[in-house]
PDB file of all heavy atoms in Angstrom:
ATOM      1  N   ASN A   1    -179.697  76.298 -25.333  1.00  0.00           N
ATOM      2  CA  ASN A   1    -180.780  77.182 -25.713  1.00  0.00           C
ATOM      3  C   ASN A   1    -180.766  78.371 -24.749  1.00  0.00           C
ATOM      4  O   ASN A   1    -180.323  78.210 -23.612  1.00  0.00           O
ATOM      5  CB  ASN A   1    -182.119  76.426 -25.623  1.00  0.00           C
ATOM      6  CG  ASN A   1    -183.287  77.283 -26.065  1.00  0.00           C
ATOM      7  OD1 ASN A   1    -183.809  78.073 -25.272  1.00  0.00           O
ATOM      8  ND2 ASN A   1    -183.691  77.132 -27.320  1.00  0.00           N
ATOM      9  N   LYS A   2    -181.281  79.494 -25.181  1.00  0.00           N
ATOM     10  CA  LYS A   2    -181.305  80.668 -24.308  1.00  0.00           C
ATOM     11  C   LYS A   2    -182.109  80.444 -23.047  1.00  0.00           C
ATOM     12  O   LYS A   2    -181.865  81.074 -22.031  1.00  0.00           O
ATOM     13  CB  LYS A   2    -181.805  81.896 -25.070  1.00  0.00           C
ATOM     14  CG  LYS A   2    -183.262  81.803 -25.486  1.00  0.00           C
ATOM     15  CD  LYS A   2    -183.713  83.077 -26.202  1.00  0.00           C
ATOM     16  CE  LYS A   2    -185.129  82.987 -26.669  1.00  0.00           C
ATOM     17  NZ  LYS A   2    -186.146  82.794 -25.672  1.00  0.00           N
ATOM     18  N   ASP A   3    -183.061  79.513 -23.070  1.00  0.00           N
ATOM     19  CA  ASP A   3    -183.863  79.203 -21.880  1.00  0.00           C
ATOM     20  C   ASP A   3    -183.169  78.212 -20.942  1.00  0.00           C
ATOM     21  O   ASP A   3    -183.702  77.873 -19.895  1.00  0.00           O
ATOM     22  CB  ASP A   3    -185.226  78.653 -22.280  1.00  0.00           C
ATOM     23  CG  ASP A   3    -186.100  79.693 -22.991  1.00  0.00           C
ATOM     24  OD1 ASP A   3    -185.900  80.904 -22.693  1.00  0.00           O
ATOM     25  OD2 ASP A   3    -186.931  79.330 -23.799  1.00  0.00           O
ATOM     26  N   GLY A   4    -182.016  77.722 -21.351  1.00  0.00           N
ATOM     27  CA  GLY A   4    -181.230  76.826 -20.508  1.00  0.00           C
ATOM     28  C   GLY A   4    -181.985  75.562 -20.126  1.00  0.00           C
ATOM     29  O   GLY A   4    -182.648  74.940 -20.964  1.00  0.00           O
ATOM     30  N   ILE A   5    -181.912  75.192 -18.857  1.00  0.00           N
ATOM     31  CA  ILE A   5    -182.528  73.953 -18.390  1.00  0.00           C
ATOM     32  C   ILE A   5    -184.053  74.004 -18.472  1.00  0.00           C
ATOM     33  O   ILE A   5    -184.722  72.990 -18.436  1.00  0.00           O
ATOM     34  CB  ILE A   5    -182.037  73.611 -16.962  1.00  0.00           C
ATOM     35  CG1 ILE A   5    -182.255  72.114 -16.647  1.00  0.00           C
ATOM     36  CG2 ILE A   5    -182.703  74.490 -15.915  1.00  0.00           C
ATOM     37  CD1 ILE A   5    -181.437  71.198 -17.495  1.00  0.00           C
ATOM     38  N   ASN A   6    -184.617  75.207 -18.640  1.00  0.00           N
ATOM     39  CA  ASN A   6    -186.072  75.351 -18.762  1.00  0.00           C
ATOM     40  C   ASN A   6    -186.565  75.136 -20.183  1.00  0.00           C
ATOM     41  O   ASN A   6    -187.783  75.108 -20.414  1.00  0.00           O
ATOM     42  CB  ASN A   6    -186.517  76.733 -18.255  1.00  0.00           C
ATOM     43  CG  ASN A   6    -186.272  76.865 -16.785  1.00  0.00           C
ATOM     44  OD1 ASN A   6    -186.483  75.937 -16.002  1.00  0.00           O
ATOM     45  ND2 ASN A   6    -185.776  78.029 -16.374  1.00  0.00           N
ATOM     46  N   TYR A   7    -185.672  74.988 -21.152  1.00  0.00           N
ATOM     47  CA  TYR A   7    -186.086  74.705 -22.527  1.00  0.00           C
ATOM     48  C   TYR A   7    -186.863  73.399 -22.532  1.00  0.00           C
ATOM     49  O   TYR A   7    -186.559  72.462 -21.775  1.00  0.00           O
ATOM     50  CB  TYR A   7    -184.842  74.637 -23.416  1.00  0.00           C
ATOM     51  CG  TYR A   7    -185.144  74.541 -24.904  1.00  0.00           C
ATOM     52  CD1 TYR A   7    -185.933  75.491 -25.529  1.00  0.00           C
ATOM     53  CD2 TYR A   7    -184.634  73.499 -25.646  1.00  0.00           C
ATOM     54  CE1 TYR A   7    -186.208  75.396 -26.879  1.00  0.00           C
ATOM     55  CE2 TYR A   7    -184.882  73.412 -27.002  1.00  0.00           C
ATOM     56  CZ  TYR A   7    -185.686  74.369 -27.613  1.00  0.00           C
ATOM     57  OH  TYR A   7    -185.962  74.273 -28.946  1.00  0.00           O
ATOM     58  N   TYR A   8    -187.869  73.265 -23.396  1.00  0.00           N
ATOM     59  CA  TYR A   8    -188.802  72.146 -23.321  1.00  0.00           C
ATOM     60  C   TYR A   8    -188.133  70.773 -23.382  1.00  0.00           C
ATOM     61  O   TYR A   8    -188.575  69.837 -22.690  1.00  0.00           O
ATOM     62  CB  TYR A   8    -189.920  72.272 -24.362  1.00  0.00           C
ATOM     63  CG  TYR A   8    -189.580  71.779 -25.734  1.00  0.00           C
ATOM     64  CD1 TYR A   8    -189.991  70.510 -26.151  1.00  0.00           C
ATOM     65  CD2 TYR A   8    -188.853  72.572 -26.627  1.00  0.00           C
ATOM     66  CE1 TYR A   8    -189.681  70.058 -27.434  1.00  0.00           C
ATOM     67  CE2 TYR A   8    -188.561  72.115 -27.899  1.00  0.00           C
ATOM     68  CZ  TYR A   8    -188.978  70.860 -28.289  1.00  0.00           C
ATOM     69  OH  TYR A   8    -188.664  70.414 -29.555  1.00  0.00           O
ATOM     70  N   THR A   9    -187.094  70.608 -24.190  1.00  0.00           N
ATOM     71  CA  THR A   9    -186.460  69.290 -24.255  1.00  0.00           C
ATOM     72  C   THR A   9    -185.728  68.985 -22.951  1.00  0.00           C
ATOM     73  O   THR A   9    -185.783  67.863 -22.445  1.00  0.00           O
ATOM     74  CB  THR A   9    -185.472  69.195 -25.429  1.00  0.00           C
ATOM     75  OG1 THR A   9    -184.519  70.270 -25.333  1.00  0.00           O
ATOM     76  CG2 THR A   9    -186.187  69.246 -26.766  1.00  0.00           C
ATOM     77  N   ASN A  10    -185.056  69.983 -22.413  1.00  0.00           N
ATOM     78  CA  ASN A  10    -184.350  69.796 -21.144  1.00  0.00           C
ATOM     79  C   ASN A  10    -185.355  69.565 -19.991  1.00  0.00           C
ATOM     80  O   ASN A  10    -185.121  68.719 -19.119  1.00  0.00           O
ATOM     81  CB  ASN A  10    -183.476  71.008 -20.829  1.00  0.00           C
ATOM     82  CG  ASN A  10    -182.402  71.194 -21.867  1.00  0.00           C
ATOM     83  OD1 ASN A  10    -181.908  70.231 -22.460  1.00  0.00           O
ATOM     84  ND2 ASN A  10    -182.040  72.430 -22.122  1.00  0.00           N
ATOM     85  N   SER A  11    -186.450  70.312 -20.017  1.00  0.00           N
ATOM     86  CA  SER A  11    -187.497  70.128 -18.998  1.00  0.00           C
ATOM     87  C   SER A  11    -188.086  68.721 -19.045  1.00  0.00           C
ATOM     88  O   SER A  11    -188.405  68.132 -18.009  1.00  0.00           O
ATOM     89  CB  SER A  11    -188.622  71.141 -19.171  1.00  0.00           C
ATOM     90  OG  SER A  11    -188.173  72.437 -18.894  1.00  0.00           O
ATOM     91  N   ALA A  12    -188.212  68.184 -20.247  1.00  0.00           N
ATOM     92  CA  ALA A  12    -188.751  66.836 -20.406  1.00  0.00           C
ATOM     93  C   ALA A  12    -187.777  65.797 -19.817  1.00  0.00           C
ATOM     94  O   ALA A  12    -188.207  64.805 -19.216  1.00  0.00           O
ATOM     95  CB  ALA A  12    -189.018  66.533 -21.869  1.00  0.00           C
ATOM     96  N   LEU A  13    -186.474  66.032 -19.981  1.00  0.00           N
ATOM     97  CA  LEU A  13    -185.500  65.133 -19.355  1.00  0.00           C
ATOM     98  C   LEU A  13    -185.541  65.255 -17.834  1.00  0.00           C
ATOM     99  O   LEU A  13    -185.460  64.257 -17.120  1.00  0.00           O
ATOM    100  CB  LEU A  13    -184.093  65.404 -19.873  1.00  0.00           C
ATOM    101  CG  LEU A  13    -183.836  65.059 -21.323  1.00  0.00           C
ATOM    102  CD1 LEU A  13    -182.410  65.439 -21.735  1.00  0.00           C
ATOM    103  CD2 LEU A  13    -184.094  63.584 -21.620  1.00  0.00           C
ATOM    104  N   ILE A  14    -185.680  66.486 -17.337  1.00  0.00           N
ATOM    105  CA  ILE A  14    -185.811  66.688 -15.886  1.00  0.00           C
ATOM    106  C   ILE A  14    -187.054  65.977 -15.374  1.00  0.00           C
ATOM    107  O   ILE A  14    -187.029  65.332 -14.318  1.00  0.00           O
ATOM    108  CB  ILE A  14    -185.895  68.200 -15.531  1.00  0.00           C
ATOM    109  CG1 ILE A  14    -184.590  68.906 -15.886  1.00  0.00           C
ATOM    110  CG2 ILE A  14    -186.300  68.420 -14.097  1.00  0.00           C
ATOM    111  CD1 ILE A  14    -183.437  68.616 -14.972  1.00  0.00           C
ATOM    112  N   TYR A  15    -188.149  66.046 -16.132  1.00  0.00           N
ATOM    113  CA  TYR A  15    -189.383  65.362 -15.763  1.00  0.00           C
ATOM    114  C   TYR A  15    -189.121  63.855 -15.609  1.00  0.00           C
ATOM    115  O   TYR A  15    -189.574  63.232 -14.656  1.00  0.00           O
ATOM    116  CB  TYR A  15    -190.473  65.634 -16.792  1.00  0.00           C
ATOM    117  CG  TYR A  15    -191.812  65.066 -16.433  1.00  0.00           C
ATOM    118  CD1 TYR A  15    -192.711  65.815 -15.688  1.00  0.00           C
ATOM    119  CD2 TYR A  15    -192.193  63.800 -16.841  1.00  0.00           C
ATOM    120  CE1 TYR A  15    -193.958  65.293 -15.363  1.00  0.00           C
ATOM    121  CE2 TYR A  15    -193.419  63.278 -16.521  1.00  0.00           C
ATOM    122  CZ  TYR A  15    -194.315  64.033 -15.756  1.00  0.00           C
ATOM    123  OH  TYR A  15    -195.542  63.506 -15.416  1.00  0.00           O
ATOM    124  N   CYS A  16    -188.402  63.285 -16.562  1.00  0.00           N
ATOM    125  CA  CYS A  16    -188.087  61.850 -16.490  1.00  0.00           C
ATOM    126  C   CYS A  16    -187.214  61.555 -15.291  1.00  0.00           C
ATOM    127  O   CYS A  16    -187.433  60.564 -14.567  1.00  0.00           O
ATOM    128  CB  CYS A  16    -187.361  61.389 -17.759  1.00  0.00           C
ATOM    129  SG  CYS A  16    -188.408  61.334 -19.214  1.00  0.00           S
ATOM    130  N   SER A  17    -186.250  62.392 -15.016  1.00  0.00           N
ATOM    131  CA  SER A  17    -185.354  62.207 -13.875  1.00  0.00           C
ATOM    132  C   SER A  17    -186.129  62.277 -12.561  1.00  0.00           C
ATOM    133  O   SER A  17    -185.992  61.408 -11.712  1.00  0.00           O
ATOM    134  CB  SER A  17    -184.245  63.274 -13.915  1.00  0.00           C
ATOM    135  OG  SER A  17    -183.419  63.189 -12.782  1.00  0.00           O
ATOM    136  N   THR A  18    -186.967  63.270 -12.427  1.00  0.00           N
ATOM    137  CA  THR A  18    -187.724  63.496 -11.190  1.00  0.00           C
ATOM    138  C   THR A  18    -188.760  62.400 -10.959  1.00  0.00           C
ATOM    139  O   THR A  18    -189.005  61.983  -9.818  1.00  0.00           O
ATOM    140  CB  THR A  18    -188.442  64.868 -11.266  1.00  0.00           C
ATOM    141  OG1 THR A  18    -187.447  65.874 -11.486  1.00  0.00           O
ATOM    142  CG2 THR A  18    -189.177  65.170  -9.994  1.00  0.00           C
ATOM    143  N   ASN A  19    -189.371  61.916 -12.048  1.00  0.00           N
ATOM    144  CA  ASN A  19    -190.462  60.932 -11.921  1.00  0.00           C
ATOM    145  C   ASN A  19    -190.025  59.508 -12.186  1.00  0.00           C
ATOM    146  O   ASN A  19    -190.879  58.622 -12.338  1.00  0.00           O
ATOM    147  CB  ASN A  19    -191.587  61.351 -12.860  1.00  0.00           C
ATOM    148  CG  ASN A  19    -192.249  62.631 -12.404  1.00  0.00           C
ATOM    149  OD1 ASN A  19    -192.972  62.659 -11.423  1.00  0.00           O
ATOM    150  ND2 ASN A  19    -191.946  63.712 -13.109  1.00  0.00           N
ATOM    151  N   LEU A  20    -188.736  59.254 -12.261  1.00  0.00           N
ATOM    152  CA  LEU A  20    -188.190  57.907 -12.473  1.00  0.00           C
ATOM    153  C   LEU A  20    -188.767  57.237 -13.717  1.00  0.00           C
ATOM    154  O   LEU A  20    -189.182  56.083 -13.696  1.00  0.00           O
ATOM    155  CB  LEU A  20    -188.420  57.013 -11.254  1.00  0.00           C
ATOM    156  CG  LEU A  20    -187.772  57.496  -9.933  1.00  0.00           C
ATOM    157  CD1 LEU A  20    -188.197  56.593  -8.798  1.00  0.00           C
ATOM    158  CD2 LEU A  20    -186.271  57.522 -10.063  1.00  0.00           C
ATOM    159  N   ILE A  21    -188.803  57.995 -14.821  1.00  0.00           N
ATOM    160  CA  ILE A  21    -189.310  57.470 -16.082  1.00  0.00           C
ATOM    161  C   ILE A  21    -188.098  57.099 -16.945  1.00  0.00           C
ATOM    162  O   ILE A  21    -187.269  57.978 -17.247  1.00  0.00           O
ATOM    163  CB  ILE A  21    -190.189  58.499 -16.794  1.00  0.00           C
ATOM    164  CG1 ILE A  21    -191.444  58.799 -15.950  1.00  0.00           C
ATOM    165  CG2 ILE A  21    -190.615  57.985 -18.175  1.00  0.00           C
ATOM    166  CD1 ILE A  21    -192.291  59.921 -16.474  1.00  0.00           C
ATOM    167  N   PRO A  22    -187.996  55.857 -17.355  1.00  0.00           N
ATOM    168  CA  PRO A  22    -186.857  55.436 -18.207  1.00  0.00           C
ATOM    169  C   PRO A  22    -186.924  56.126 -19.568  1.00  0.00           C
ATOM    170  O   PRO A  22    -187.977  56.585 -20.021  1.00  0.00           O
ATOM    171  CB  PRO A  22    -187.050  53.931 -18.378  1.00  0.00           C
ATOM    172  CG  PRO A  22    -188.000  53.526 -17.312  1.00  0.00           C
ATOM    173  CD  PRO A  22    -188.853  54.732 -17.017  1.00  0.00           C
ATOM    174  N   ILE A  23    -185.768  56.191 -20.209  1.00  0.00           N
ATOM    175  CA  ILE A  23    -185.656  56.835 -21.519  1.00  0.00           C
ATOM    176  C   ILE A  23    -184.833  55.928 -22.434  1.00  0.00           C
ATOM    177  O   ILE A  23    -183.902  55.263 -21.976  1.00  0.00           O
ATOM    178  CB  ILE A  23    -185.038  58.224 -21.387  1.00  0.00           C
ATOM    179  CG1 ILE A  23    -185.110  58.984 -22.723  1.00  0.00           C
ATOM    180  CG2 ILE A  23    -183.658  58.196 -20.807  1.00  0.00           C
ATOM    181  CD1 ILE A  23    -184.877  60.463 -22.572  1.00  0.00           C
ATOM    182  N   GLY A  24    -185.186  55.900 -23.722  1.00  0.00           N
ATOM    183  CA  GLY A  24    -184.434  55.109 -24.689  1.00  0.00           C
ATOM    184  C   GLY A  24    -183.236  55.893 -25.220  1.00  0.00           C
ATOM    185  O   GLY A  24    -183.272  57.119 -25.300  1.00  0.00           O
ATOM    186  N   VAL A  25    -182.176  55.162 -25.549  1.00  0.00           N
ATOM    187  CA  VAL A  25    -180.963  55.792 -26.093  1.00  0.00           C
ATOM    188  C   VAL A  25    -180.505  55.037 -27.328  1.00  0.00           C
ATOM    189  O   VAL A  25    -180.405  53.796 -27.303  1.00  0.00           O
ATOM    190  CB  VAL A  25    -179.840  55.830 -25.047  1.00  0.00           C
ATOM    191  CG1 VAL A  25    -178.556  56.410 -25.641  1.00  0.00           C
ATOM    192  CG2 VAL A  25    -180.243  56.630 -23.821  1.00  0.00           C
ATOM    193  N   ILE A  26    -180.275  55.792 -28.418  1.00  0.00           N
ATOM    194  CA  ILE A  26    -179.709  55.234 -29.639  1.00  0.00           C
ATOM    195  C   ILE A  26    -178.567  56.146 -30.127  1.00  0.00           C
ATOM    196  O   ILE A  26    -178.615  57.358 -29.907  1.00  0.00           O
ATOM    197  CB  ILE A  26    -180.739  55.014 -30.763  1.00  0.00           C
ATOM    198  CG1 ILE A  26    -181.275  56.331 -31.299  1.00  0.00           C
ATOM    199  CG2 ILE A  26    -181.884  54.139 -30.311  1.00  0.00           C
ATOM    200  CD1 ILE A  26    -182.189  56.186 -32.510  1.00  0.00           C
ATOM    201  N   THR A  27    -177.570  55.531 -30.733  1.00  0.00           N
ATOM    202  CA  THR A  27    -176.463  56.290 -31.304  1.00  0.00           C
ATOM    203  C   THR A  27    -176.230  55.824 -32.747  1.00  0.00           C
ATOM    204  O   THR A  27    -176.282  54.619 -33.025  1.00  0.00           O
ATOM    205  CB  THR A  27    -175.159  56.168 -30.496  1.00  0.00           C
ATOM    206  OG1 THR A  27    -174.798  54.790 -30.390  1.00  0.00           O
ATOM    207  CG2 THR A  27    -175.320  56.752 -29.108  1.00  0.00           C
ATOM    208  N   GLN A  28    -175.974  56.767 -33.603  1.00  0.00           N
ATOM    209  CA  GLN A  28    -175.680  56.443 -34.989  1.00  0.00           C
ATOM    210  C   GLN A  28    -174.283  55.844 -35.088  1.00  0.00           C
ATOM    211  O   GLN A  28    -173.334  56.394 -34.523  1.00  0.00           O
ATOM    212  CB  GLN A  28    -175.785  57.675 -35.862  1.00  0.00           C
ATOM    213  CG  GLN A  28    -175.670  57.398 -37.339  1.00  0.00           C
ATOM    214  CD  GLN A  28    -175.827  58.657 -38.178  1.00  0.00           C
ATOM    215  OE1 GLN A  28    -175.467  59.733 -37.760  1.00  0.00           O
ATOM    216  NE2 GLN A  28    -176.381  58.477 -39.376  1.00  0.00           N
ATOM    217  N   THR A  29    -174.141  54.735 -35.788  1.00  0.00           N
ATOM    218  CA  THR A  29    -172.845  54.076 -35.957  1.00  0.00           C
ATOM    219  C   THR A  29    -172.261  54.273 -37.342  1.00  0.00           C
ATOM    220  O   THR A  29    -171.053  54.269 -37.500  1.00  0.00           O
ATOM    221  CB  THR A  29    -172.945  52.567 -35.655  1.00  0.00           C
ATOM    222  OG1 THR A  29    -173.964  52.005 -36.491  1.00  0.00           O
ATOM    223  CG2 THR A  29    -173.302  52.327 -34.196  1.00  0.00           C
ATOM    224  N   HIS A  30    -173.102  54.429 -38.337  1.00  0.00           N
ATOM    225  CA  HIS A  30    -172.665  54.693 -39.712  1.00  0.00           C
ATOM    226  C   HIS A  30    -173.658  55.627 -40.368  1.00  0.00           C
ATOM    227  O   HIS A  30    -174.862  55.485 -40.176  1.00  0.00           O
ATOM    228  CB  HIS A  30    -172.622  53.394 -40.541  1.00  0.00           C
ATOM    229  CG  HIS A  30    -171.616  52.425 -40.063  1.00  0.00           C
ATOM    230  ND1 HIS A  30    -171.922  51.416 -39.167  1.00  0.00           N
ATOM    231  CD2 HIS A  30    -170.299  52.298 -40.340  1.00  0.00           C
ATOM    232  CE1 HIS A  30    -170.843  50.712 -38.919  1.00  0.00           C
ATOM    233  NE2 HIS A  30    -169.845  51.221 -39.603  1.00  0.00           N
ATOM    234  N   ASN A  31    -173.164  56.573 -41.150  1.00  0.00           N
ATOM    235  CA  ASN A  31    -174.108  57.392 -41.903  1.00  0.00           C
ATOM    236  C   ASN A  31    -174.341  56.756 -43.266  1.00  0.00           C
ATOM    237  O   ASN A  31    -173.627  55.838 -43.671  1.00  0.00           O
ATOM    238  CB  ASN A  31    -173.658  58.862 -41.993  1.00  0.00           C
ATOM    239  CG  ASN A  31    -172.374  59.035 -42.758  1.00  0.00           C
ATOM    240  OD1 ASN A  31    -172.101  58.308 -43.711  1.00  0.00           O
ATOM    241  ND2 ASN A  31    -171.549  59.996 -42.374  1.00  0.00           N
ATOM    242  N   LYS A  32    -175.303  57.244 -43.983  1.00  0.00           N
ATOM    243  CA  LYS A  32    -175.714  56.599 -45.238  1.00  0.00           C
ATOM    244  C   LYS A  32    -174.627  56.682 -46.290  1.00  0.00           C
ATOM    245  O   LYS A  32    -174.592  55.876 -47.202  1.00  0.00           O
ATOM    246  CB  LYS A  32    -177.017  57.177 -45.764  1.00  0.00           C
ATOM    247  CG  LYS A  32    -176.969  58.637 -46.116  1.00  0.00           C
ATOM    248  CD  LYS A  32    -178.356  59.093 -46.540  1.00  0.00           C
ATOM    249  CE  LYS A  32    -178.364  60.574 -46.808  1.00  0.00           C
ATOM    250  NZ  LYS A  32    -179.692  61.020 -47.173  1.00  0.00           N
ATOM    251  N   HIS A  33    -173.700  57.606 -46.178  1.00  0.00           N
ATOM    252  CA  HIS A  33    -172.636  57.728 -47.172  1.00  0.00           C
ATOM    253  C   HIS A  33    -171.493  56.732 -46.947  1.00  0.00           C
ATOM    254  O   HIS A  33    -170.720  56.484 -47.855  1.00  0.00           O
ATOM    255  CB  HIS A  33    -172.101  59.162 -47.179  1.00  0.00           C
ATOM    256  CG  HIS A  33    -173.155  60.181 -47.406  1.00  0.00           C
ATOM    257  ND1 HIS A  33    -173.882  60.249 -48.572  1.00  0.00           N
ATOM    258  CD2 HIS A  33    -173.675  61.120 -46.602  1.00  0.00           C
ATOM    259  CE1 HIS A  33    -174.781  61.218 -48.471  1.00  0.00           C
ATOM    260  NE2 HIS A  33    -174.662  61.756 -47.284  1.00  0.00           N
ATOM    261  N   SER A  34    -171.425  56.150 -45.753  1.00  0.00           N
ATOM    262  CA  SER A  34    -170.351  55.209 -45.450  1.00  0.00           C
ATOM    263  C   SER A  34    -170.824  53.762 -45.416  1.00  0.00           C
ATOM    264  O   SER A  34    -170.059  52.865 -45.137  1.00  0.00           O
ATOM    265  CB  SER A  34    -169.684  55.557 -44.128  1.00  0.00           C
ATOM    266  OG  SER A  34    -170.605  55.356 -43.068  1.00  0.00           O
ATOM    267  N   ASN A  35    -172.085  53.550 -45.735  1.00  0.00           N
ATOM    268  CA  ASN A  35    -172.663  52.232 -45.586  1.00  0.00           C
ATOM    269  C   ASN A  35    -173.017  51.672 -46.960  1.00  0.00           C
ATOM    270  O   ASN A  35    -173.671  52.350 -47.738  1.00  0.00           O
ATOM    271  CB  ASN A  35    -173.913  52.313 -44.697  1.00  0.00           C
ATOM    272  CG  ASN A  35    -174.394  50.974 -44.283  1.00  0.00           C
ATOM    273  OD1 ASN A  35    -174.660  50.132 -45.116  1.00  0.00           O
ATOM    274  ND2 ASN A  35    -174.509  50.777 -42.981  1.00  0.00           N
ATOM    275  N   ILE A  36    -172.613  50.454 -47.233  1.00  0.00           N
ATOM    276  CA  ILE A  36    -172.882  49.864 -48.552  1.00  0.00           C
ATOM    277  C   ILE A  36    -174.381  49.658 -48.810  1.00  0.00           C
ATOM    278  O   ILE A  36    -174.796  49.558 -49.946  1.00  0.00           O
ATOM    279  CB  ILE A  36    -172.145  48.513 -48.730  1.00  0.00           C
ATOM    280  CG1 ILE A  36    -172.585  47.527 -47.669  1.00  0.00           C
ATOM    281  CG2 ILE A  36    -170.673  48.725 -48.716  1.00  0.00           C
ATOM    282  CD1 ILE A  36    -172.054  46.120 -47.905  1.00  0.00           C
ATOM    283  N   ASN A  37    -175.180  49.644 -47.750  1.00  0.00           N
ATOM    284  CA  ASN A  37    -176.621  49.467 -47.929  1.00  0.00           C
ATOM    285  C   ASN A  37    -177.347  50.792 -48.162  1.00  0.00           C
ATOM    286  O   ASN A  37    -178.554  50.824 -48.281  1.00  0.00           O
ATOM    287  CB  ASN A  37    -177.223  48.795 -46.702  1.00  0.00           C
ATOM    288  CG  ASN A  37    -176.772  47.353 -46.615  1.00  0.00           C
ATOM    289  OD1 ASN A  37    -176.878  46.621 -47.588  1.00  0.00           O
ATOM    290  ND2 ASN A  37    -176.262  46.953 -45.470  1.00  0.00           N
TER     291      ASN A  37
END
């Protein structure tokens, strides 16, 4: 983003880093077009 590390999403991650707040992580493994369900 043009605001770099000061962009709100990046700032929120910095906030978690600075304040020792855990964060959840998920990754997509299949999209809906490749899944029989």
